[in-house]
Amino acid sequence: MEDFLNQFKDQSQPIINALKEQIKTIRTGRASPAIVENILVETYGGQSKLKLYELATISTEGPSIIIIIPFDPSTTSDIEKAILKSPINLSPQTQGNRIIIHLPPLSTEQREKFIKLLNQTVEEKRNNIRNLRDEIRKKIRQKFQEKQITEDIKFRLEKEIDNQSQKINQIIEEIKKKKAEEILNI
C-alpha cells in the first residue's frame, strides 16, 4: 500500500515545479532572464508562436539591464512588439540587433502588488496539494470500504499522506519566503 504515498509524492512534484516556474516571472529588485524568457513571440509573418528563449540569447548586465540578442535578426521587431504587449510593462530599446530593457527600480506599491501575486500563486498550488491529498485519502477510504485494507492500515496511510502533505507545504512556504525576500530586497 506504499503506492498511495508514492503516487502522492509523484503527483505533487509537478505542482512544486510549476510553482517554481510561475514565480520566476515575478519581478524582483534584480534583472533576471526569467522575467522575459517565456513571453510568446508571434514571428515569421504570424506563422510561428515561439517563446522568447527559443528565439534569442537572454542575459543580464548589472542589476537592472536585460539584453536580448535574437538568433535571427529578422525577428528583432517581433520580439520588441511581444515585449511591449506582454503584461510585464517593460519598454525595450533596440540598438542594432540587440534589444535592451532597463528595469526601473520597483516602487513600494509595485513590490506590494508582486507580493500579492506571489501569495495568490502559492495559495493556488497549496489548493492543488490539498485536492491531491483529499483524492488520495478518498482512494484509501474506498480500499477500506472494499475490505482490501484493515482499519489500522487505513489510519496509518492517512497519517503518512497528511505528514507528506505538511512536508510539501513547508517546501512551498520556503519557496515563497525566498521569493518574497527577493521582491522586498532593495
Protein backbone atom coordinates (compact mmCIF):
# COMPACT_ATOMS: atom_id res chain seq x y z
CA MET A 1 0.00 0.00 0.00
CA GLU A 2 3.06 2.24 -0.22
CA ASP A 3 1.86 3.03 -3.73
CA PHE A 4 -0.55 5.63 -2.30
CA LEU A 5 2.33 7.53 -0.74
CA ASN A 6 4.47 7.20 -3.86
CA GLN A 7 1.55 8.32 -6.02
CA PHE A 8 1.07 11.37 -3.80
CA LYS A 9 4.79 12.23 -3.97
CA ASP A 10 4.93 11.71 -7.74
CA GLN A 11 1.85 13.84 -8.40
CA SER A 12 2.88 16.63 -6.02
CA GLN A 13 6.35 17.14 -7.55
CA PRO A 14 5.00 18.67 -10.80
CA ILE A 15 2.93 21.09 -8.68
CA ILE A 16 6.10 22.26 -6.89
CA ASN A 17 7.96 22.53 -10.21
CA ALA A 18 5.11 24.54 -11.72
CA LEU A 19 5.20 26.91 -8.74
CA LYS A 20 8.94 27.47 -9.20
CA GLU A 21 8.43 28.18 -12.91
CA GLN A 22 5.49 30.52 -12.34
CA ILE A 23 7.20 32.65 -9.71
CA LYS A 24 10.31 33.07 -11.86
CA THR A 25 8.36 35.58 -13.92
CA ILE A 26 7.50 37.72 -10.89
CA ARG A 27 9.85 40.67 -10.94
CA THR A 28 12.28 41.26 -8.12
CA GLY A 29 14.70 44.08 -7.46
CA ARG A 30 17.25 42.44 -9.79
CA ALA A 31 17.24 41.78 -13.52
CA SER A 32 16.72 38.14 -14.48
CA PRO A 33 16.28 36.45 -17.87
CA ALA A 34 13.36 34.53 -16.33
CA ILE A 35 11.28 37.72 -16.38
CA VAL A 36 11.06 37.65 -20.19
CA GLU A 37 12.08 34.17 -21.34
CA ASN A 38 8.55 32.76 -21.55
CA ILE A 39 6.98 35.65 -23.46
CA LEU A 40 5.25 34.29 -26.55
CA VAL A 41 6.50 35.91 -29.75
CA GLU A 42 4.47 35.74 -32.95
CA THR A 43 7.06 35.79 -35.71
CA TYR A 44 7.82 34.90 -39.32
CA GLY A 45 4.70 36.62 -40.59
CA GLY A 46 2.48 35.12 -37.91
CA GLN A 47 3.38 31.54 -38.90
CA SER A 48 5.17 30.74 -35.62
CA LYS A 49 4.49 31.39 -31.96
CA LEU A 50 7.65 30.72 -30.00
CA LYS A 51 8.83 31.53 -26.51
CA LEU A 52 11.44 34.27 -26.38
CA TYR A 53 14.18 31.93 -25.13
CA GLU A 54 13.71 29.88 -28.32
CA LEU A 55 14.41 32.94 -30.47
CA ALA A 56 17.22 34.72 -28.67
CA THR A 57 20.02 34.74 -26.16
CA ILE A 58 18.87 36.45 -22.97
CA SER A 59 21.39 37.79 -20.47
CA THR A 60 21.71 40.44 -17.80
CA GLU A 61 24.11 43.29 -17.46
CA GLY A 62 24.30 44.66 -13.96
CA PRO A 63 21.36 44.56 -11.58
CA SER A 64 18.86 46.37 -13.83
CA ILE A 65 19.50 45.60 -17.52
CA ILE A 66 18.31 42.66 -19.62
CA ILE A 67 19.92 42.17 -23.03
CA ILE A 68 18.24 40.12 -25.74
CA ILE A 69 20.16 39.13 -28.87
CA PRO A 70 17.95 37.35 -31.47
CA PHE A 71 19.42 34.35 -33.28
CA ASP A 72 17.73 35.63 -36.45
CA PRO A 73 17.97 39.44 -36.78
CA SER A 74 14.71 39.49 -38.78
CA THR A 75 12.79 38.61 -35.58
CA THR A 76 14.02 41.67 -33.65
CA SER A 77 10.90 43.80 -34.27
CA ASP A 78 8.58 40.85 -33.49
CA ILE A 79 10.36 40.30 -30.17
CA GLU A 80 10.10 44.00 -29.35
CA LYS A 81 6.35 44.02 -30.11
CA ALA A 82 5.80 40.92 -27.96
CA ILE A 83 7.60 42.52 -25.01
CA LEU A 84 5.53 45.68 -25.36
CA LYS A 85 2.28 43.66 -25.48
CA SER A 86 3.23 41.46 -22.52
CA PRO A 87 1.78 42.17 -19.05
CA ILE A 88 5.24 42.86 -17.55
CA ASN A 89 5.10 46.57 -18.51
CA LEU A 90 8.65 46.95 -19.78
CA SER A 91 9.92 49.23 -22.54
CA PRO A 92 12.50 47.62 -24.81
CA GLN A 93 15.01 49.69 -26.78
CA THR A 94 16.52 48.33 -29.98
CA GLN A 95 20.17 49.04 -30.73
CA GLY A 96 21.10 47.31 -33.96
CA ASN A 97 20.34 43.62 -33.43
CA ARG A 98 20.24 43.93 -29.65
CA ILE A 99 17.19 44.64 -27.54
CA ILE A 100 17.94 46.30 -24.23
CA ILE A 101 15.47 46.51 -21.38
CA HIS A 102 16.21 48.85 -18.49
CA LEU A 103 14.32 47.72 -15.43
CA PRO A 104 13.21 50.69 -13.37
CA PRO A 105 13.51 50.33 -9.61
CA LEU A 106 10.41 48.84 -8.04
CA SER A 107 8.19 51.21 -6.11
CA THR A 108 6.73 50.15 -2.78
CA GLU A 109 3.34 49.84 -4.48
CA GLN A 110 4.78 47.52 -7.16
CA ARG A 111 6.53 45.40 -4.55
CA GLU A 112 3.25 45.00 -2.66
CA LYS A 113 1.49 44.06 -5.92
CA PHE A 114 4.15 41.41 -6.66
CA ILE A 115 3.93 40.03 -3.11
CA LYS A 116 0.15 39.77 -3.56
CA LEU A 117 0.66 37.94 -6.88
CA LEU A 118 3.17 35.61 -5.18
CA ASN A 119 0.69 34.85 -2.39
CA GLN A 120 -2.08 34.09 -4.91
CA THR A 121 0.18 31.76 -6.88
CA VAL A 122 1.33 29.95 -3.73
CA GLU A 123 -2.24 29.60 -2.45
CA GLU A 124 -3.31 28.13 -5.79
CA LYS A 125 -0.58 25.48 -5.52
CA ARG A 126 -1.48 24.75 -1.89
CA ASN A 127 -5.05 24.13 -3.02
CA ASN A 128 -3.74 21.75 -5.69
CA ILE A 129 -1.82 19.85 -2.99
CA ARG A 130 -4.89 19.78 -0.73
CA ASN A 131 -7.05 18.45 -3.57
CA LEU A 132 -4.45 15.81 -4.37
CA ARG A 133 -4.28 14.79 -0.70
CA ASP A 134 -8.07 14.55 -0.50
CA GLU A 135 -8.18 12.48 -3.68
CA ILE A 136 -5.62 10.01 -2.31
CA ARG A 137 -7.41 9.83 1.06
CA LYS A 138 -10.64 9.09 -0.81
CA LYS A 139 -8.93 6.16 -2.59
CA ILE A 140 -7.64 4.88 0.75
CA ARG A 141 -11.16 5.01 2.27
CA GLN A 142 -12.52 3.24 -0.80
CA LYS A 143 -9.98 0.42 -0.36
CA PHE A 144 -11.02 0.19 3.32
CA GLN A 145 -14.73 0.04 2.43
CA GLU A 146 -14.00 -2.69 -0.11
CA LYS A 147 -12.23 -4.51 2.76
CA GLN A 148 -8.94 -4.60 0.83
CA ILE A 149 -7.11 -2.95 3.73
CA THR A 150 -7.59 -3.01 7.50
CA GLU A 151 -8.61 -0.04 9.61
CA ASP A 152 -5.09 0.17 11.08
CA ILE A 153 -3.55 0.38 7.62
CA LYS A 154 -6.15 2.96 6.59
CA PHE A 155 -5.26 5.21 9.56
CA ARG A 156 -1.52 4.70 9.02
CA LEU A 157 -1.77 5.58 5.31
CA GLU A 158 -3.92 8.64 6.01
CA LYS A 159 -1.43 9.81 8.61
CA GLU A 160 1.51 9.29 6.22
CA ILE A 161 -0.31 11.22 3.49
CA ASP A 162 -1.03 14.06 5.94
CA ASN A 163 2.62 14.13 7.06
CA GLN A 164 3.83 14.19 3.45
CA SER A 165 1.33 16.95 2.68
CA GLN A 166 2.73 19.02 5.57
CA LYS A 167 6.29 18.49 4.31
CA ILE A 168 5.29 19.65 0.83
CA ASN A 169 3.57 22.71 2.29
CA GLN A 170 6.78 23.50 4.18
CA ILE A 171 8.72 23.31 0.90
CA ILE A 172 6.17 25.62 -0.73
CA GLU A 173 6.46 28.03 2.22
CA GLU A 174 10.27 28.10 1.88
CA ILE A 175 9.99 28.84 -1.85
CA LYS A 176 7.51 31.64 -1.09
CA LYS A 177 9.68 33.09 1.68
CA LYS A 178 12.77 33.15 -0.54
CA LYS A 179 10.93 34.85 -3.42
CA ALA A 180 9.31 37.38 -1.08
CA GLU A 181 12.76 38.31 0.24
CA GLU A 182 13.98 38.82 -3.34
CA ILE A 183 11.00 41.06 -4.12
CA LEU A 184 11.37 43.13 -0.97
CA ASN A 185 15.17 43.37 -1.20
CA ILE A 186 16.11 46.85 -2.39
